[in-house]
Amino acid sequence: MANRIIAIGGEPASGKTTLMKSILKNFSLKKFKYGFVRGYYNDNIYFIGIYNNDVFSGTDKLSMAVQPHFVKFCNSRDNATIIFEGDRLFNQSLFDKLHCEIIIIKADDDIKKQRHIDRNDTQTEKFIKAKRTKIQNIKDKNKYVLMRNNDKDDLIRNKKHIIELIKNT
């Protein structure tokens, strides 16, 4: 089984995908696939998701049916570090099956509102509220680390922290 699974989540426009793209730049990576799981790896470090220039990347690009494949993948990777961000896998049913180190990214409401405008997304207020409730429920049931992500300084600090977590496995 994987030695460490790092799960990054947060409300829409909190900066999860931007953070992961920033982290990925620090590794020489190869693509992999395992069932419905897609991602990149370097040695025994696996980054789950598909990252490109689309507004919604990461685990959002994976099949809605990815979770059972992800559980099998984690169980098949001895001494691996696995990291993912995004709504597709960041849910309580996964955390009930696998021990994950949970990191929740938080941005101020005015920052998130501007990010929605900047990326010209069509996420409705109802959708955003549902995701906010989901994140709150996860916070209520699990230990987690909270990281603020309002500006470039926060992004750099968060990136450094997560890279240290990955390297100190």
C-alpha atoms as a PDB file:
ATOM      1  CA  MET A   1       0.000   0.000   0.000  1.00  0.00           C
ATOM      2  CA  ALA A   2       1.067   3.586  -0.566  1.00  0.00           C
ATOM      3  CA  ASN A   3       3.171   4.979   2.237  1.00  0.00           C
ATOM      4  CA  ARG A   4       1.562   8.397   2.042  1.00  0.00           C
ATOM      5  CA  ILE A   5      -1.501   9.829   0.324  1.00  0.00           C
ATOM      6  CA  ILE A   6      -1.791  13.612   0.295  1.00  0.00           C
ATOM      7  CA  ALA A   7      -5.250  14.925  -0.576  1.00  0.00           C
ATOM      8  CA  ILE A   8      -5.686  18.594  -1.465  1.00  0.00           C
ATOM      9  CA  GLY A   9      -9.186  20.019  -1.545  1.00  0.00           C
ATOM     10  CA  GLY A  10     -11.072  23.242  -1.165  1.00  0.00           C
ATOM     11  CA  GLU A  11     -13.934  25.266  -2.462  1.00  0.00           C
ATOM     12  CA  PRO A  12     -14.112  26.160  -6.155  1.00  0.00           C
ATOM     13  CA  ALA A  13     -11.577  28.869  -7.122  1.00  0.00           C
ATOM     14  CA  SER A  14      -9.533  28.418  -3.949  1.00  0.00           C
ATOM     15  CA  GLY A  15      -6.455  27.737  -6.092  1.00  0.00           C
ATOM     16  CA  LYS A  16      -6.033  23.951  -5.872  1.00  0.00           C
ATOM     17  CA  THR A  17      -5.193  23.344  -9.512  1.00  0.00           C
ATOM     18  CA  THR A  18      -2.902  26.368  -9.742  1.00  0.00           C
ATOM     19  CA  LEU A  19      -1.044  25.074  -6.686  1.00  0.00           C
ATOM     20  CA  MET A  20      -0.671  21.587  -8.163  1.00  0.00           C
ATOM     21  CA  LYS A  21       0.529  22.936 -11.518  1.00  0.00           C
ATOM     22  CA  SER A  22       3.151  24.930  -9.618  1.00  0.00           C
ATOM     23  CA  ILE A  23       4.261  21.808  -7.711  1.00  0.00           C
ATOM     24  CA  LEU A  24       4.472  19.687 -10.875  1.00  0.00           C
ATOM     25  CA  LYS A  25       7.011  22.091 -12.397  1.00  0.00           C
ATOM     26  CA  ASN A  26       9.523  20.919  -9.768  1.00  0.00           C
ATOM     27  CA  PHE A  27       9.621  17.312 -10.974  1.00  0.00           C
ATOM     28  CA  SER A  28      10.704  15.515 -14.124  1.00  0.00           C
ATOM     29  CA  LEU A  29       7.588  13.480 -14.832  1.00  0.00           C
ATOM     30  CA  LYS A  30       6.323  10.634 -16.993  1.00  0.00           C
ATOM     31  CA  LYS A  31       2.662   9.902 -17.719  1.00  0.00           C
ATOM     32  CA  PHE A  32       0.935   6.784 -16.427  1.00  0.00           C
ATOM     33  CA  LYS A  33      -2.485   5.169 -16.426  1.00  0.00           C
ATOM     34  CA  TYR A  34      -4.007   2.510 -14.203  1.00  0.00           C
ATOM     35  CA  GLY A  35      -7.625   1.656 -14.958  1.00  0.00           C
ATOM     36  CA  PHE A  36      -9.418   5.016 -14.844  1.00  0.00           C
ATOM     37  CA  VAL A  37      -6.551   6.621 -12.911  1.00  0.00           C
ATOM     38  CA  ARG A  38      -4.351   8.980 -14.939  1.00  0.00           C
ATOM     39  CA  GLY A  39      -1.437  11.085 -13.890  1.00  0.00           C
ATOM     40  CA  TYR A  40       2.295  11.573 -13.718  1.00  0.00           C
ATOM     41  CA  TYR A  41       5.084   9.981 -11.752  1.00  0.00           C
ATOM     42  CA  ASN A  42       8.709  10.421 -10.781  1.00  0.00           C
ATOM     43  CA  ASP A  43      10.359   7.467  -9.054  1.00  0.00           C
ATOM     44  CA  ASN A  44       7.819   6.460  -6.409  1.00  0.00           C
ATOM     45  CA  ILE A  45       5.902   9.766  -6.340  1.00  0.00           C
ATOM     46  CA  TYR A  46       2.567   9.833  -8.155  1.00  0.00           C
ATOM     47  CA  PHE A  47       0.534  12.914  -9.055  1.00  0.00           C
ATOM     48  CA  ILE A  48      -3.053  12.043  -9.921  1.00  0.00           C
ATOM     49  CA  GLY A  49      -4.918  13.990 -12.587  1.00  0.00           C
ATOM     50  CA  ILE A  50      -4.524  15.377 -16.061  1.00  0.00           C
ATOM     51  CA  TYR A  51      -3.001  18.838 -16.231  1.00  0.00           C
ATOM     52  CA  ASN A  52      -3.173  21.034 -19.299  1.00  0.00           C
ATOM     53  CA  ASN A  53      -4.195  24.590 -20.102  1.00  0.00           C
ATOM     54  CA  ASP A  54      -7.915  23.978 -19.561  1.00  0.00           C
ATOM     55  CA  VAL A  55      -9.650  25.917 -16.776  1.00  0.00           C
ATOM     56  CA  PHE A  56     -10.592  22.657 -15.089  1.00  0.00           C
ATOM     57  CA  SER A  57      -7.702  20.201 -14.921  1.00  0.00           C
ATOM     58  CA  GLY A  58      -6.437  17.661 -12.406  1.00  0.00           C
ATOM     59  CA  THR A  59      -8.846  15.043 -11.136  1.00  0.00           C
ATOM     60  CA  ASP A  60     -11.722  16.946 -12.782  1.00  0.00           C
ATOM     61  CA  LYS A  61     -10.463  15.397 -16.048  1.00  0.00           C
ATOM     62  CA  LEU A  62     -10.848  11.841 -14.709  1.00  0.00           C
ATOM     63  CA  SER A  63     -13.862   9.562 -14.998  1.00  0.00           C
ATOM     64  CA  MET A  64     -16.628   9.911 -12.420  1.00  0.00           C
ATOM     65  CA  ALA A  65     -16.000   6.184 -11.784  1.00  0.00           C
ATOM     66  CA  VAL A  66     -12.322   6.653 -10.853  1.00  0.00           C
ATOM     67  CA  GLN A  67     -12.556   6.161  -7.085  1.00  0.00           C
ATOM     68  CA  PRO A  68     -12.519   2.316  -6.921  1.00  0.00           C
ATOM     69  CA  HIS A  69      -9.633   2.292  -9.418  1.00  0.00           C
ATOM     70  CA  PHE A  70      -7.807   4.840  -7.278  1.00  0.00           C
ATOM     71  CA  VAL A  71      -8.224   2.698  -4.149  1.00  0.00           C
ATOM     72  CA  LYS A  72      -6.807  -0.326  -5.995  1.00  0.00           C
ATOM     73  CA  PHE A  73      -3.987   1.824  -7.365  1.00  0.00           C
ATOM     74  CA  CYS A  74      -3.054   3.031  -3.870  1.00  0.00           C
ATOM     75  CA  ASN A  75      -3.127  -0.522  -2.538  1.00  0.00           C
ATOM     76  CA  SER A  76      -0.840  -1.664  -5.359  1.00  0.00           C
ATOM     77  CA  ARG A  77       1.912   0.935  -4.805  1.00  0.00           C
ATOM     78  CA  ASP A  78       4.234  -0.120  -1.995  1.00  0.00           C
ATOM     79  CA  ASN A  79       6.116   2.732  -0.334  1.00  0.00           C
ATOM     80  CA  ALA A  80       4.747   5.286  -2.791  1.00  0.00           C
ATOM     81  CA  THR A  81       3.738   8.867  -2.146  1.00  0.00           C
ATOM     82  CA  ILE A  82       0.522   9.754  -3.936  1.00  0.00           C
ATOM     83  CA  ILE A  83      -0.822  13.274  -4.184  1.00  0.00           C
ATOM     84  CA  PHE A  84      -4.005  14.602  -5.729  1.00  0.00           C
ATOM     85  CA  GLU A  85      -6.175  17.684  -5.721  1.00  0.00           C
ATOM     86  CA  GLY A  86      -9.717  18.263  -6.700  1.00  0.00           C
ATOM     87  CA  ASP A  87     -13.283  17.323  -6.179  1.00  0.00           C
ATOM     88  CA  ARG A  88     -13.354  14.022  -8.052  1.00  0.00           C
ATOM     89  CA  LEU A  89     -11.438  12.155  -5.317  1.00  0.00           C
ATOM     90  CA  PHE A  90     -11.637  14.601  -2.410  1.00  0.00           C
ATOM     91  CA  ASN A  91     -14.609  13.107  -0.605  1.00  0.00           C
ATOM     92  CA  GLN A  92     -15.506  11.443   2.661  1.00  0.00           C
ATOM     93  CA  SER A  93     -16.204   8.048   1.113  1.00  0.00           C
ATOM     94  CA  LEU A  94     -12.572   7.911  -0.042  1.00  0.00           C
ATOM     95  CA  PHE A  95     -11.284   9.075   3.338  1.00  0.00           C
ATOM     96  CA  ASP A  96     -13.307   6.287   4.966  1.00  0.00           C
ATOM     97  CA  LYS A  97     -11.401   3.756   2.806  1.00  0.00           C
ATOM     98  CA  LEU A  98      -7.876   5.213   2.772  1.00  0.00           C
ATOM     99  CA  HIS A  99      -5.787   7.141   5.265  1.00  0.00           C
ATOM    100  CA  CYS A 100      -5.036  10.463   3.617  1.00  0.00           C
ATOM    101  CA  GLU A 101      -3.238  13.529   4.854  1.00  0.00           C
ATOM    102  CA  ILE A 102      -5.851  16.176   4.132  1.00  0.00           C
ATOM    103  CA  ILE A 103      -4.911  19.686   3.114  1.00  0.00           C
ATOM    104  CA  ILE A 104      -7.685  22.210   2.623  1.00  0.00           C
ATOM    105  CA  ILE A 105      -6.946  25.286   0.553  1.00  0.00           C
ATOM    106  CA  LYS A 106      -8.860  28.408   1.538  1.00  0.00           C
ATOM    107  CA  ALA A 107      -9.124  31.756  -0.185  1.00  0.00           C
ATOM    108  CA  ASP A 108     -11.102  34.805   0.884  1.00  0.00           C
ATOM    109  CA  ASP A 109     -14.541  35.153  -0.689  1.00  0.00           C
ATOM    110  CA  ASP A 110     -13.656  38.295  -2.658  1.00  0.00           C
ATOM    111  CA  ILE A 111     -10.559  36.551  -4.084  1.00  0.00           C
ATOM    112  CA  LYS A 112     -12.597  33.499  -5.127  1.00  0.00           C
ATOM    113  CA  LYS A 113     -15.247  35.715  -6.704  1.00  0.00           C
ATOM    114  CA  GLN A 114     -12.591  37.482  -8.799  1.00  0.00           C
ATOM    115  CA  ARG A 115     -11.032  34.152  -9.802  1.00  0.00           C
ATOM    116  CA  HIS A 116     -14.428  32.949 -11.069  1.00  0.00           C
ATOM    117  CA  ILE A 117     -14.669  36.125 -13.157  1.00  0.00           C
ATOM    118  CA  ASP A 118     -11.071  35.865 -14.404  1.00  0.00           C
ATOM    119  CA  ARG A 119     -11.461  32.284 -15.563  1.00  0.00           C
ATOM    120  CA  ASN A 120     -14.927  32.970 -16.990  1.00  0.00           C
ATOM    121  CA  ASP A 121     -16.391  29.808 -15.492  1.00  0.00           C
ATOM    122  CA  THR A 122     -20.071  28.974 -15.354  1.00  0.00           C
ATOM    123  CA  GLN A 123     -20.229  27.435 -11.893  1.00  0.00           C
ATOM    124  CA  THR A 124     -23.573  28.352 -10.365  1.00  0.00           C
ATOM    125  CA  GLU A 125     -24.062  29.666  -6.849  1.00  0.00           C
ATOM    126  CA  LYS A 126     -25.945  26.447  -6.052  1.00  0.00           C
ATOM    127  CA  PHE A 127     -22.960  24.350  -7.203  1.00  0.00           C
ATOM    128  CA  ILE A 128     -20.502  26.489  -5.212  1.00  0.00           C
ATOM    129  CA  LYS A 129     -22.678  26.277  -2.086  1.00  0.00           C
ATOM    130  CA  ALA A 130     -22.859  22.470  -2.406  1.00  0.00           C
ATOM    131  CA  LYS A 131     -19.047  22.275  -2.638  1.00  0.00           C
ATOM    132  CA  ARG A 132     -18.711  24.610   0.367  1.00  0.00           C
ATOM    133  CA  THR A 133     -20.976  22.291   2.377  1.00  0.00           C
ATOM    134  CA  LYS A 134     -19.007  19.232   1.239  1.00  0.00           C
ATOM    135  CA  ILE A 135     -15.724  20.802   2.387  1.00  0.00           C
ATOM    136  CA  GLN A 136     -17.250  21.789   5.734  1.00  0.00           C
ATOM    137  CA  ASN A 137     -18.482  18.229   6.289  1.00  0.00           C
ATOM    138  CA  ILE A 138     -14.986  16.878   5.561  1.00  0.00           C
ATOM    139  CA  LYS A 139     -13.511  19.407   7.997  1.00  0.00           C
ATOM    140  CA  ASP A 140     -16.007  18.309  10.656  1.00  0.00           C
ATOM    141  CA  LYS A 141     -15.039  14.617  10.343  1.00  0.00           C
ATOM    142  CA  ASN A 142     -11.270  14.656   9.748  1.00  0.00           C
ATOM    143  CA  LYS A 143      -7.953  16.078  10.848  1.00  0.00           C
ATOM    144  CA  TYR A 144      -6.659  18.493   8.242  1.00  0.00           C
ATOM    145  CA  VAL A 145      -4.160  21.251   7.566  1.00  0.00           C
ATOM    146  CA  LEU A 146      -5.585  24.569   6.410  1.00  0.00           C
ATOM    147  CA  MET A 147      -3.580  26.637   3.910  1.00  0.00           C
ATOM    148  CA  ARG A 148      -4.543  30.151   2.867  1.00  0.00           C
ATOM    149  CA  ASN A 149      -4.177  30.862  -0.845  1.00  0.00           C
ATOM    150  CA  ASN A 150      -5.005  34.495  -1.546  1.00  0.00           C
ATOM    151  CA  ASP A 151      -1.925  35.648  -3.447  1.00  0.00           C
ATOM    152  CA  LYS A 152       1.400  34.653  -5.013  1.00  0.00           C
ATOM    153  CA  ASP A 153       3.200  34.702  -1.646  1.00  0.00           C
ATOM    154  CA  ASP A 154       0.681  32.182  -0.274  1.00  0.00           C
ATOM    155  CA  LEU A 155       1.081  30.069  -3.414  1.00  0.00           C
ATOM    156  CA  ILE A 156       4.882  29.995  -3.056  1.00  0.00           C
ATOM    157  CA  ARG A 157       4.684  29.174   0.660  1.00  0.00           C
ATOM    158  CA  ASN A 158       2.114  26.400   0.085  1.00  0.00           C
ATOM    159  CA  LYS A 159       4.138  24.940  -2.796  1.00  0.00           C
ATOM    160  CA  LYS A 160       7.293  24.802  -0.674  1.00  0.00           C
ATOM    161  CA  HIS A 161       5.413  23.177   2.207  1.00  0.00           C
ATOM    162  CA  ILE A 162       3.867  20.470   0.034  1.00  0.00           C
ATOM    163  CA  ILE A 163       7.126  19.736  -1.781  1.00  0.00           C
ATOM    164  CA  GLU A 164       8.763  19.258   1.628  1.00  0.00           C
ATOM    165  CA  LEU A 165       5.963  16.862   2.604  1.00  0.00           C
ATOM    166  CA  ILE A 166       6.520  14.888  -0.598  1.00  0.00           C
ATOM    167  CA  LYS A 167      10.286  14.725  -0.221  1.00  0.00           C
ATOM    168  CA  ASN A 168      10.208  13.829   3.479  1.00  0.00           C
ATOM    169  CA  THR A 169       8.293  10.609   3.028  1.00  0.00           C
END
